[in-house]
Amino acid sequence: MPLLALLVAATVVGFEQLLHDQFGPLGVIGFLLITIGLKAKNVTVDSALTSMRAPRGTMGLASLIAGRRRAHLREEWAAVLAGDPENGRVLTAIAQLRLASGFLLASVRMRLHDVSAPLWVPVDWLLSVESRSNTVIAVLVGMQAVYIAGDGGPGALVAEVWEPCGIFGGALYMLFRWLRGVRGIELAAARSEESTPE
């Protein structure tokens, strides 16, 4: 089921990006209107139906994509589209359609996040302890050094290994540090030092 959801989400995002690249934002809006199923023959009736149903239909599609775990979002999104008529704040059809398109994009992102979350578990495990990260960096740099030495012989250990291995090791260290910041991971050693009373 997650694989099917990933394929559907990737197809939707890819097709939306293709439309956006070819026709711009109006192409995406036009496609949304077509998929909602507006088939009125009269142009004025069509535009009236578009202004009333398109944002609601797009919001419904967004809540469907978001899934059952986020069913509460449908009510929240409907309240946002309704505006605040008691205080005279009523959204235009274009503003509602923009908001509904944002809801649709947000729901696709939520689904992609749901599908990709299990893939981050081993990465988070690796990044949570500094010794694990350093071990992986050392193994990868060591493999690079063995490859260079195997290609150039023992003389390459002295002449050629240090610079590329140093650059690669530094880049890996910065990458792991950046990933810790992105994932919001604090090092286990730093947490244990903070927790011990002085």
N, C-alpha and C. Protein backbone atom coordinates (compact mmCIF):
# COMPACT_ATOMS: atom_id res chain seq x y z
N MET A 1 0.80 -1.20 0.00
CA MET A 1 0.00 0.00 0.00
C MET A 1 0.85 1.27 0.00
N PRO A 2 1.93 1.34 0.86
CA PRO A 2 2.77 2.55 0.80
C PRO A 2 3.43 2.73 -0.57
N LEU A 3 3.79 1.61 -1.23
CA LEU A 3 4.40 1.72 -2.55
C LEU A 3 3.41 2.29 -3.55
N LEU A 4 2.17 1.85 -3.47
CA LEU A 4 1.13 2.37 -4.36
C LEU A 4 0.91 3.86 -4.10
N ALA A 5 0.87 4.23 -2.82
CA ALA A 5 0.70 5.65 -2.48
C ALA A 5 1.87 6.48 -2.99
N LEU A 6 3.09 5.93 -2.89
CA LEU A 6 4.27 6.63 -3.40
C LEU A 6 4.20 6.81 -4.90
N LEU A 7 3.80 5.76 -5.61
CA LEU A 7 3.68 5.84 -7.07
C LEU A 7 2.63 6.86 -7.48
N VAL A 8 1.48 6.84 -6.81
CA VAL A 8 0.41 7.80 -7.13
C VAL A 8 0.89 9.22 -6.86
N ALA A 9 1.52 9.43 -5.69
CA ALA A 9 1.99 10.76 -5.34
C ALA A 9 3.07 11.24 -6.31
N ALA A 10 3.99 10.35 -6.66
CA ALA A 10 5.05 10.73 -7.61
C ALA A 10 4.47 11.06 -8.97
N THR A 11 3.46 10.30 -9.41
CA THR A 11 2.82 10.58 -10.69
C THR A 11 2.11 11.94 -10.66
N VAL A 12 1.40 12.20 -9.58
CA VAL A 12 0.69 13.48 -9.46
C VAL A 12 1.67 14.64 -9.46
N VAL A 13 2.73 14.52 -8.66
CA VAL A 13 3.71 15.60 -8.58
C VAL A 13 4.43 15.78 -9.92
N GLY A 14 4.80 14.67 -10.56
CA GLY A 14 5.47 14.77 -11.86
C GLY A 14 4.59 15.39 -12.92
N PHE A 15 3.34 14.99 -12.98
CA PHE A 15 2.42 15.54 -13.98
C PHE A 15 2.15 17.02 -13.70
N GLU A 16 2.00 17.37 -12.42
CA GLU A 16 1.78 18.78 -12.06
C GLU A 16 3.00 19.62 -12.45
N GLN A 17 4.20 19.08 -12.23
CA GLN A 17 5.42 19.81 -12.60
C GLN A 17 5.53 19.97 -14.11
N LEU A 18 5.17 18.93 -14.85
CA LEU A 18 5.17 19.00 -16.31
C LEU A 18 4.21 20.06 -16.81
N LEU A 19 3.01 20.07 -16.25
CA LEU A 19 2.03 21.10 -16.63
C LEU A 19 2.54 22.50 -16.29
N HIS A 20 3.13 22.61 -15.10
CA HIS A 20 3.64 23.92 -14.68
C HIS A 20 4.75 24.40 -15.60
N ASP A 21 5.64 23.47 -15.99
CA ASP A 21 6.75 23.84 -16.87
C ASP A 21 6.25 24.24 -18.27
N GLN A 22 5.24 23.54 -18.77
CA GLN A 22 4.75 23.79 -20.13
C GLN A 22 3.82 25.00 -20.21
N PHE A 23 2.89 25.11 -19.25
CA PHE A 23 1.84 26.11 -19.36
C PHE A 23 1.79 27.10 -18.20
N GLY A 24 2.63 26.92 -17.20
CA GLY A 24 2.65 27.83 -16.07
C GLY A 24 1.54 27.52 -15.08
N PRO A 25 1.32 28.42 -14.12
CA PRO A 25 0.30 28.18 -13.10
C PRO A 25 -1.11 28.04 -13.68
N LEU A 26 -1.39 28.75 -14.76
CA LEU A 26 -2.73 28.65 -15.35
C LEU A 26 -2.99 27.26 -15.91
N GLY A 27 -1.97 26.60 -16.41
CA GLY A 27 -2.14 25.24 -16.90
C GLY A 27 -2.51 24.28 -15.77
N VAL A 28 -1.88 24.47 -14.61
CA VAL A 28 -2.20 23.63 -13.46
C VAL A 28 -3.63 23.88 -13.00
N ILE A 29 -4.02 25.14 -12.93
CA ILE A 29 -5.38 25.48 -12.52
C ILE A 29 -6.38 24.92 -13.52
N GLY A 30 -6.07 25.05 -14.82
CA GLY A 30 -6.95 24.51 -15.84
C GLY A 30 -7.11 23.00 -15.73
N PHE A 31 -6.00 22.30 -15.45
CA PHE A 31 -6.09 20.86 -15.28
C PHE A 31 -6.94 20.49 -14.07
N LEU A 32 -6.78 21.24 -12.99
CA LEU A 32 -7.60 20.97 -11.81
C LEU A 32 -9.08 21.14 -12.12
N LEU A 33 -9.39 22.17 -12.89
CA LEU A 33 -10.79 22.40 -13.24
C LEU A 33 -11.33 21.27 -14.11
N ILE A 34 -10.51 20.78 -15.02
CA ILE A 34 -10.95 19.68 -15.88
C ILE A 34 -11.15 18.40 -15.05
N THR A 35 -10.22 18.11 -14.14
CA THR A 35 -10.33 16.88 -13.35
C THR A 35 -11.51 16.91 -12.40
N ILE A 36 -11.92 18.07 -11.99
CA ILE A 36 -13.08 18.16 -11.09
C ILE A 36 -14.35 17.76 -11.83
N GLY A 37 -14.34 17.87 -13.13
CA GLY A 37 -15.47 17.37 -13.90
C GLY A 37 -16.49 18.40 -14.31
N LEU A 38 -16.06 19.61 -14.53
CA LEU A 38 -16.99 20.64 -14.98
C LEU A 38 -17.24 20.46 -16.47
N LYS A 39 -18.49 20.14 -16.83
CA LYS A 39 -18.82 19.88 -18.22
C LYS A 39 -20.00 20.73 -18.67
N ALA A 40 -20.12 21.91 -18.15
CA ALA A 40 -21.24 22.77 -18.53
C ALA A 40 -21.02 23.30 -19.95
N LYS A 41 -22.09 23.41 -20.73
CA LYS A 41 -21.96 23.86 -22.12
C LYS A 41 -21.97 25.36 -22.24
N ASN A 42 -22.58 26.03 -21.31
CA ASN A 42 -22.65 27.48 -21.35
C ASN A 42 -21.44 28.05 -20.62
N VAL A 43 -20.77 29.01 -21.24
CA VAL A 43 -19.54 29.57 -20.67
C VAL A 43 -19.84 30.30 -19.37
N THR A 44 -20.93 31.03 -19.31
CA THR A 44 -21.24 31.78 -18.08
C THR A 44 -21.61 30.82 -16.96
N VAL A 45 -22.37 29.77 -17.29
CA VAL A 45 -22.69 28.77 -16.27
C VAL A 45 -21.41 28.07 -15.83
N ASP A 46 -20.53 27.76 -16.81
CA ASP A 46 -19.27 27.09 -16.50
C ASP A 46 -18.43 27.94 -15.54
N SER A 47 -18.33 29.24 -15.82
CA SER A 47 -17.53 30.08 -14.94
C SER A 47 -18.17 30.21 -13.57
N ALA A 48 -19.51 30.24 -13.51
CA ALA A 48 -20.19 30.30 -12.22
C ALA A 48 -19.95 29.02 -11.42
N LEU A 49 -20.05 27.87 -12.10
CA LEU A 49 -19.80 26.61 -11.43
C LEU A 49 -18.34 26.51 -10.97
N THR A 50 -17.45 27.00 -11.82
CA THR A 50 -16.03 26.98 -11.48
C THR A 50 -15.79 27.77 -10.21
N SER A 51 -16.38 28.95 -10.13
CA SER A 51 -16.14 29.79 -8.97
C SER A 51 -16.71 29.17 -7.70
N MET A 52 -17.76 28.34 -7.81
CA MET A 52 -18.36 27.76 -6.62
C MET A 52 -17.78 26.39 -6.28
N ARG A 53 -17.57 25.53 -7.27
CA ARG A 53 -17.23 24.14 -7.00
C ARG A 53 -15.74 23.82 -7.06
N ALA A 54 -15.00 24.53 -7.87
CA ALA A 54 -13.58 24.18 -8.07
C ALA A 54 -12.78 24.21 -6.77
N PRO A 55 -12.88 25.25 -5.96
CA PRO A 55 -12.10 25.22 -4.71
C PRO A 55 -12.54 24.09 -3.78
N ARG A 56 -13.84 23.83 -3.70
CA ARG A 56 -14.33 22.76 -2.82
C ARG A 56 -13.89 21.39 -3.35
N GLY A 57 -13.96 21.21 -4.66
CA GLY A 57 -13.53 19.93 -5.24
C GLY A 57 -12.04 19.70 -5.05
N THR A 58 -11.25 20.76 -5.24
CA THR A 58 -9.80 20.64 -5.04
C THR A 58 -9.48 20.35 -3.59
N MET A 59 -10.21 21.01 -2.68
CA MET A 59 -10.01 20.75 -1.26
C MET A 59 -10.39 19.31 -0.92
N GLY A 60 -11.48 18.80 -1.52
CA GLY A 60 -11.87 17.41 -1.29
C GLY A 60 -10.81 16.44 -1.78
N LEU A 61 -10.25 16.72 -2.95
CA LEU A 61 -9.17 15.89 -3.48
C LEU A 61 -7.96 15.93 -2.55
N ALA A 62 -7.66 17.12 -2.03
CA ALA A 62 -6.53 17.26 -1.11
C ALA A 62 -6.76 16.46 0.16
N SER A 63 -7.97 16.50 0.70
CA SER A 63 -8.24 15.74 1.92
C SER A 63 -8.22 14.24 1.65
N LEU A 64 -8.61 13.84 0.46
CA LEU A 64 -8.55 12.42 0.08
C LEU A 64 -7.09 11.95 0.00
N ILE A 65 -6.24 12.77 -0.60
CA ILE A 65 -4.82 12.42 -0.71
C ILE A 65 -4.16 12.43 0.66
N ALA A 66 -4.55 13.37 1.53
CA ALA A 66 -3.95 13.46 2.87
C ALA A 66 -4.18 12.20 3.68
N GLY A 67 -5.30 11.52 3.45
CA GLY A 67 -5.54 10.24 4.10
C GLY A 67 -6.43 10.33 5.33
N ARG A 68 -6.79 9.15 5.84
CA ARG A 68 -7.71 9.07 6.97
C ARG A 68 -7.11 9.59 8.26
N ARG A 69 -5.80 9.48 8.40
CA ARG A 69 -5.17 9.96 9.64
C ARG A 69 -5.28 11.47 9.78
N ARG A 70 -5.48 12.15 8.67
CA ARG A 70 -5.57 13.62 8.70
C ARG A 70 -6.97 14.09 8.29
N ALA A 71 -7.98 13.33 8.67
CA ALA A 71 -9.36 13.68 8.30
C ALA A 71 -9.78 15.02 8.90
N HIS A 72 -9.17 15.40 10.02
CA HIS A 72 -9.51 16.67 10.65
C HIS A 72 -9.15 17.88 9.79
N LEU A 73 -8.22 17.70 8.86
CA LEU A 73 -7.81 18.82 8.01
C LEU A 73 -8.93 19.28 7.09
N ARG A 74 -9.83 18.38 6.71
CA ARG A 74 -10.93 18.75 5.80
C ARG A 74 -11.77 19.87 6.42
N GLU A 75 -12.12 19.72 7.68
CA GLU A 75 -12.91 20.76 8.36
C GLU A 75 -12.14 22.06 8.48
N GLU A 76 -10.86 21.96 8.82
CA GLU A 76 -10.03 23.16 8.95
C GLU A 76 -9.89 23.87 7.61
N TRP A 77 -9.64 23.11 6.55
CA TRP A 77 -9.50 23.72 5.23
C TRP A 77 -10.82 24.33 4.76
N ALA A 78 -11.94 23.68 5.05
CA ALA A 78 -13.25 24.23 4.68
C ALA A 78 -13.48 25.55 5.40
N ALA A 79 -13.07 25.63 6.67
CA ALA A 79 -13.22 26.89 7.42
C ALA A 79 -12.35 27.99 6.83
N VAL A 80 -11.16 27.62 6.38
CA VAL A 80 -10.29 28.63 5.76
C VAL A 80 -10.90 29.13 4.46
N LEU A 81 -11.43 28.22 3.64
CA LEU A 81 -12.05 28.63 2.37
C LEU A 81 -13.29 29.48 2.59
N ALA A 82 -14.01 29.24 3.67
CA ALA A 82 -15.22 30.02 3.94
C ALA A 82 -14.89 31.45 4.32
N GLY A 83 -13.69 31.69 4.81
CA GLY A 83 -13.32 33.04 5.22
C GLY A 83 -13.98 33.37 6.55
N ASP A 84 -14.33 34.65 6.70
CA ASP A 84 -15.00 35.12 7.92
C ASP A 84 -16.16 36.02 7.51
N PRO A 85 -17.28 35.44 7.04
CA PRO A 85 -18.38 36.26 6.53
C PRO A 85 -19.02 37.14 7.59
N GLU A 86 -18.94 36.76 8.86
CA GLU A 86 -19.53 37.57 9.93
C GLU A 86 -18.84 38.92 10.04
N ASN A 87 -17.56 38.96 9.75
CA ASN A 87 -16.82 40.22 9.81
C ASN A 87 -16.59 40.82 8.43
N GLY A 88 -17.31 40.29 7.43
CA GLY A 88 -17.22 40.85 6.08
C GLY A 88 -16.01 40.41 5.29
N ARG A 89 -15.34 39.35 5.73
CA ARG A 89 -14.16 38.86 5.00
C ARG A 89 -14.54 37.62 4.22
N VAL A 90 -14.88 37.82 2.96
CA VAL A 90 -15.24 36.72 2.08
C VAL A 90 -14.19 36.63 0.99
N LEU A 91 -13.67 35.43 0.77
CA LEU A 91 -12.61 35.24 -0.22
C LEU A 91 -13.20 35.16 -1.61
N THR A 92 -12.47 35.70 -2.58
CA THR A 92 -12.89 35.58 -3.97
C THR A 92 -12.66 34.15 -4.45
N ALA A 93 -13.26 33.82 -5.58
CA ALA A 93 -13.11 32.46 -6.13
C ALA A 93 -11.66 32.16 -6.47
N ILE A 94 -10.95 33.17 -7.00
CA ILE A 94 -9.53 32.96 -7.34
C ILE A 94 -8.71 32.72 -6.07
N ALA A 95 -8.98 33.50 -5.02
CA ALA A 95 -8.25 33.31 -3.76
C ALA A 95 -8.55 31.94 -3.17
N GLN A 96 -9.81 31.51 -3.25
CA GLN A 96 -10.16 30.19 -2.76
C GLN A 96 -9.46 29.10 -3.56
N LEU A 97 -9.38 29.29 -4.88
CA LEU A 97 -8.73 28.30 -5.72
C LEU A 97 -7.23 28.23 -5.43
N ARG A 98 -6.62 29.37 -5.16
CA ARG A 98 -5.19 29.37 -4.79
C ARG A 98 -4.98 28.63 -3.48
N LEU A 99 -5.84 28.92 -2.51
CA LEU A 99 -5.72 28.22 -1.22
C LEU A 99 -5.93 26.72 -1.39
N ALA A 100 -6.94 26.35 -2.17
CA ALA A 100 -7.22 24.93 -2.37
C ALA A 100 -6.07 24.25 -3.09
N SER A 101 -5.42 24.94 -4.04
CA SER A 101 -4.25 24.38 -4.72
C SER A 101 -3.11 24.19 -3.73
N GLY A 102 -2.97 25.13 -2.79
CA GLY A 102 -1.96 24.98 -1.74
C GLY A 102 -2.26 23.79 -0.84
N PHE A 103 -3.55 23.58 -0.53
CA PHE A 103 -3.93 22.42 0.26
C PHE A 103 -3.57 21.13 -0.47
N LEU A 104 -3.80 21.12 -1.78
CA LEU A 104 -3.49 19.93 -2.59
C LEU A 104 -1.99 19.64 -2.57
N LEU A 105 -1.19 20.67 -2.75
CA LEU A 105 0.26 20.49 -2.72
C LEU A 105 0.71 20.02 -1.33
N ALA A 106 0.13 20.61 -0.29
CA ALA A 106 0.49 20.21 1.08
C ALA A 106 0.13 18.75 1.34
N SER A 107 -1.02 18.32 0.83
CA SER A 107 -1.41 16.92 1.07
C SER A 107 -0.48 15.95 0.36
N VAL A 108 -0.02 16.31 -0.84
CA VAL A 108 0.94 15.45 -1.55
C VAL A 108 2.25 15.39 -0.77
N ARG A 109 2.68 16.52 -0.26
CA ARG A 109 3.92 16.54 0.54
C ARG A 109 3.77 15.70 1.81
N MET A 110 2.59 15.78 2.44
CA MET A 110 2.37 14.97 3.64
C MET A 110 2.47 13.48 3.32
N ARG A 111 1.87 13.08 2.21
CA ARG A 111 1.91 11.67 1.82
C ARG A 111 3.34 11.23 1.51
N LEU A 112 4.10 12.07 0.81
CA LEU A 112 5.49 11.74 0.52
C LEU A 112 6.30 11.63 1.81
N HIS A 113 6.00 12.51 2.76
CA HIS A 113 6.67 12.43 4.05
C HIS A 113 6.34 11.13 4.76
N ASP A 114 5.07 10.72 4.71
CA ASP A 114 4.67 9.46 5.34
C ASP A 114 5.41 8.28 4.74
N VAL A 115 5.56 8.30 3.41
CA VAL A 115 6.20 7.18 2.73
C VAL A 115 7.71 7.16 3.00
N SER A 116 8.32 8.35 3.06
CA SER A 116 9.77 8.40 3.22
C SER A 116 10.23 8.32 4.68
N ALA A 117 9.32 8.46 5.64
CA ALA A 117 9.71 8.45 7.05
C ALA A 117 10.44 7.18 7.46
N PRO A 118 9.99 5.98 7.07
CA PRO A 118 10.75 4.77 7.48
C PRO A 118 12.17 4.71 6.90
N LEU A 119 12.39 5.37 5.78
CA LEU A 119 13.72 5.35 5.18
C LEU A 119 14.74 6.14 6.02
N TRP A 120 14.25 7.08 6.83
CA TRP A 120 15.15 7.90 7.65
C TRP A 120 15.56 7.20 8.94
N VAL A 121 14.90 6.12 9.32
CA VAL A 121 15.20 5.46 10.60
C VAL A 121 16.67 5.03 10.69
N PRO A 122 17.23 4.31 9.70
CA PRO A 122 18.65 3.94 9.83
C PRO A 122 19.59 5.15 9.78
N VAL A 123 19.22 6.18 9.01
CA VAL A 123 20.06 7.38 8.94
C VAL A 123 20.06 8.08 10.29
N ASP A 124 18.89 8.18 10.93
CA ASP A 124 18.82 8.80 12.25
C ASP A 124 19.62 8.00 13.28
N TRP A 125 19.54 6.67 13.18
CA TRP A 125 20.30 5.83 14.09
C TRP A 125 21.79 6.09 13.93
N LEU A 126 22.25 6.20 12.69
CA LEU A 126 23.66 6.44 12.41
C LEU A 126 24.11 7.81 12.92
N LEU A 127 23.27 8.83 12.73
CA LEU A 127 23.65 10.19 13.09
C LEU A 127 23.54 10.48 14.58
N SER A 128 22.79 9.67 15.33
CA SER A 128 22.52 9.99 16.73
C SER A 128 23.72 9.78 17.64
N VAL A 129 24.69 8.98 17.23
CA VAL A 129 25.89 8.74 18.04
C VAL A 129 27.12 9.09 17.20
N GLU A 130 27.98 9.93 17.77
CA GLU A 130 29.13 10.42 17.01
C GLU A 130 30.10 9.31 16.62
N SER A 131 30.27 8.31 17.47
CA SER A 131 31.21 7.22 17.15
C SER A 131 30.73 6.43 15.92
N ARG A 132 29.41 6.26 15.78
CA ARG A 132 28.90 5.58 14.58
C ARG A 132 29.21 6.38 13.33
N SER A 133 28.95 7.68 13.40
CA SER A 133 29.22 8.54 12.24
C SER A 133 30.70 8.53 11.88
N ASN A 134 31.55 8.64 12.90
CA ASN A 134 32.98 8.66 12.65
C ASN A 134 33.47 7.33 12.08
N THR A 135 32.86 6.23 12.51
CA THR A 135 33.24 4.92 11.98
C THR A 135 32.90 4.83 10.49
N VAL A 136 31.71 5.29 10.12
CA VAL A 136 31.31 5.25 8.72
C VAL A 136 32.23 6.13 7.88
N ILE A 137 32.56 7.33 8.39
CA ILE A 137 33.47 8.22 7.67
C ILE A 137 34.84 7.56 7.49
N ALA A 138 35.35 6.95 8.57
CA ALA A 138 36.67 6.31 8.49
C ALA A 138 36.67 5.15 7.50
N VAL A 139 35.60 4.35 7.50
CA VAL A 139 35.53 3.21 6.57
C VAL A 139 35.48 3.71 5.13
N LEU A 140 34.65 4.72 4.86
CA LEU A 140 34.54 5.23 3.49
C LEU A 140 35.84 5.87 3.01
N VAL A 141 36.49 6.64 3.89
CA VAL A 141 37.78 7.26 3.50
C VAL A 141 38.84 6.18 3.34
N GLY A 142 38.82 5.17 4.20
CA GLY A 142 39.77 4.06 4.07
C GLY A 142 39.58 3.31 2.77
N MET A 143 38.32 3.09 2.37
CA MET A 143 38.07 2.43 1.09
C MET A 143 38.60 3.26 -0.07
N GLN A 144 38.45 4.58 0.04
CA GLN A 144 38.98 5.44 -1.02
C GLN A 144 40.51 5.36 -1.06
N ALA A 145 41.14 5.34 0.11
CA ALA A 145 42.60 5.25 0.16
C ALA A 145 43.10 3.93 -0.42
N VAL A 146 42.41 2.84 -0.11
CA VAL A 146 42.80 1.53 -0.66
C VAL A 146 42.64 1.52 -2.17
N TYR A 147 41.57 2.13 -2.66
CA TYR A 147 41.36 2.19 -4.11
C TYR A 147 42.47 2.98 -4.79
N ILE A 148 42.82 4.13 -4.22
CA ILE A 148 43.88 4.95 -4.82
C ILE A 148 45.22 4.23 -4.75
N ALA A 149 45.51 3.61 -3.60
CA ALA A 149 46.77 2.89 -3.44
C ALA A 149 46.82 1.67 -4.36
N GLY A 150 45.69 1.02 -4.57
CA GLY A 150 45.65 -0.14 -5.46
C GLY A 150 45.89 0.26 -6.89
N ASP A 151 45.47 1.44 -7.25
CA ASP A 151 45.66 1.93 -8.62
C ASP A 151 47.10 2.40 -8.85
N GLY A 152 47.67 3.08 -7.84
CA GLY A 152 48.98 3.69 -8.04
C GLY A 152 50.12 3.00 -7.33
N GLY A 153 49.84 1.96 -6.59
CA GLY A 153 50.90 1.26 -5.88
C GLY A 153 51.23 1.92 -4.55
N PRO A 154 52.27 1.41 -3.86
CA PRO A 154 52.63 1.94 -2.54
C PRO A 154 53.06 3.41 -2.58
N GLY A 155 53.61 3.84 -3.67
CA GLY A 155 54.01 5.26 -3.77
C GLY A 155 52.83 6.20 -3.72
N ALA A 156 51.66 5.73 -4.13
CA ALA A 156 50.47 6.57 -4.13
C ALA A 156 50.00 6.88 -2.70
N LEU A 157 50.36 5.98 -1.73
CA LEU A 157 49.98 6.23 -0.35
C LEU A 157 50.56 7.55 0.15
N VAL A 158 51.79 7.83 -0.24
CA VAL A 158 52.46 9.05 0.22
C VAL A 158 52.11 10.23 -0.66
N ALA A 159 52.08 10.02 -1.96
CA ALA A 159 51.97 11.15 -2.88
C ALA A 159 50.53 11.56 -3.18
N GLU A 160 49.61 10.61 -3.32
CA GLU A 160 48.30 10.95 -3.85
C GLU A 160 47.13 10.79 -2.89
N VAL A 161 47.29 10.04 -1.82
CA VAL A 161 46.14 9.68 -0.99
C VAL A 161 45.68 10.82 -0.09
N TRP A 162 46.57 11.59 0.45
CA TRP A 162 46.21 12.51 1.53
C TRP A 162 45.22 13.58 1.11
N GLU A 163 45.46 14.21 -0.01
CA GLU A 163 44.59 15.32 -0.40
C GLU A 163 43.16 14.87 -0.73
N PRO A 164 42.95 13.90 -1.64
CA PRO A 164 41.57 13.51 -1.93
C PRO A 164 40.86 12.87 -0.73
N CYS A 165 41.60 12.11 0.08
CA CYS A 165 40.98 11.50 1.25
C CYS A 165 40.61 12.55 2.29
N GLY A 166 41.45 13.56 2.45
CA GLY A 166 41.14 14.65 3.37
C GLY A 166 39.91 15.43 2.93
N ILE A 167 39.83 15.72 1.64
CA ILE A 167 38.67 16.44 1.10
C ILE A 167 37.40 15.60 1.27
N PHE A 168 37.49 14.32 0.94
CA PHE A 168 36.33 13.44 1.03
C PHE A 168 35.88 13.29 2.49
N GLY A 169 36.84 13.09 3.39
CA GLY A 169 36.51 12.96 4.82
C GLY A 169 35.89 14.23 5.38
N GLY A 170 36.43 15.38 5.00
CA GLY A 170 35.85 16.65 5.45
C GLY A 170 34.45 16.87 4.91
N ALA A 171 34.25 16.51 3.65
CA ALA A 171 32.92 16.65 3.04
C ALA A 171 31.91 15.74 3.73
N LEU A 172 32.32 14.50 4.04
CA LEU A 172 31.41 13.59 4.75
C LEU A 172 31.08 14.12 6.14
N TYR A 173 32.09 14.65 6.84
CA TYR A 173 31.86 15.20 8.17
C TYR A 173 30.86 16.35 8.11
N MET A 174 31.03 17.24 7.14
CA MET A 174 30.11 18.38 7.00
C MET A 174 28.71 17.90 6.60
N LEU A 175 28.65 16.88 5.75
CA LEU A 175 27.35 16.33 5.35
C LEU A 175 26.61 15.75 6.55
N PHE A 176 27.30 14.98 7.38
CA PHE A 176 26.67 14.39 8.56
C PHE A 176 26.24 15.47 9.54
N ARG A 177 27.06 16.48 9.68
CA ARG A 177 26.71 17.58 10.59
C ARG A 177 25.47 18.32 10.08
N TRP A 178 25.42 18.55 8.77
CA TRP A 178 24.27 19.23 8.16
C TRP A 178 23.00 18.38 8.32
N LEU A 179 23.14 17.06 8.09
CA LEU A 179 21.99 16.17 8.25
C LEU A 179 21.48 16.15 9.69
N ARG A 180 22.38 16.22 10.67
CA ARG A 180 21.95 16.30 12.07
C ARG A 180 21.11 17.55 12.30
N GLY A 181 21.54 18.66 11.71
CA GLY A 181 20.77 19.90 11.86
C GLY A 181 19.42 19.81 11.18
N VAL A 182 19.38 19.23 9.99
CA VAL A 182 18.13 19.12 9.24
C VAL A 182 17.15 18.19 9.97
N ARG A 183 17.65 17.09 10.50
CA ARG A 183 16.80 16.12 11.17
C ARG A 183 16.54 16.46 12.63
N GLY A 184 17.22 17.49 13.15
CA GLY A 184 17.02 17.88 14.54
C GLY A 184 17.57 16.87 15.54
N ILE A 185 18.71 16.29 15.21
CA ILE A 185 19.31 15.25 16.06
C ILE A 185 20.41 15.87 16.90
N GLU A 186 20.32 15.63 18.21
CA GLU A 186 21.40 16.01 19.12
C GLU A 186 22.25 14.78 19.37
N LEU A 187 23.54 14.99 19.50
CA LEU A 187 24.42 13.85 19.73
C LEU A 187 24.17 13.24 21.09
N ALA A 188 24.22 11.92 21.17
CA ALA A 188 23.95 11.22 22.42
C ALA A 188 24.95 11.60 23.49
N ALA A 189 26.21 11.80 23.14
CA ALA A 189 27.22 12.17 24.13
C ALA A 189 26.92 13.53 24.71
N ALA A 190 26.49 14.48 23.87
CA ALA A 190 26.19 15.82 24.35
C ALA A 190 24.98 15.79 25.28
N ARG A 191 23.98 14.96 24.98
CA ARG A 191 22.79 14.85 25.83
C ARG A 191 23.13 14.26 27.18
N SER A 192 24.02 13.25 27.20
CA SER A 192 24.37 12.62 28.48
C SER A 192 25.18 13.56 29.36
N GLU A 193 26.02 14.42 28.74
CA GLU A 193 26.79 15.40 29.53
C GLU A 193 25.86 16.43 30.15
N GLU A 194 24.83 16.85 29.41
CA GLU A 194 23.89 17.83 29.93
C GLU A 194 23.05 17.26 31.05
N SER A 195 22.76 15.97 31.01
CA SER A 195 21.87 15.36 31.99
C SER A 195 22.58 15.06 33.32
N THR A 196 23.94 14.95 33.31
CA THR A 196 24.65 14.64 34.56
C THR A 196 24.75 15.89 35.41
N PRO A 197 24.34 15.83 36.71
CA PRO A 197 24.43 17.00 37.58
C PRO A 197 25.88 17.24 37.99
N GLU A 198 26.20 18.51 38.21
CA GLU A 198 27.57 18.87 38.60
C GLU A 198 27.66 19.06 40.09
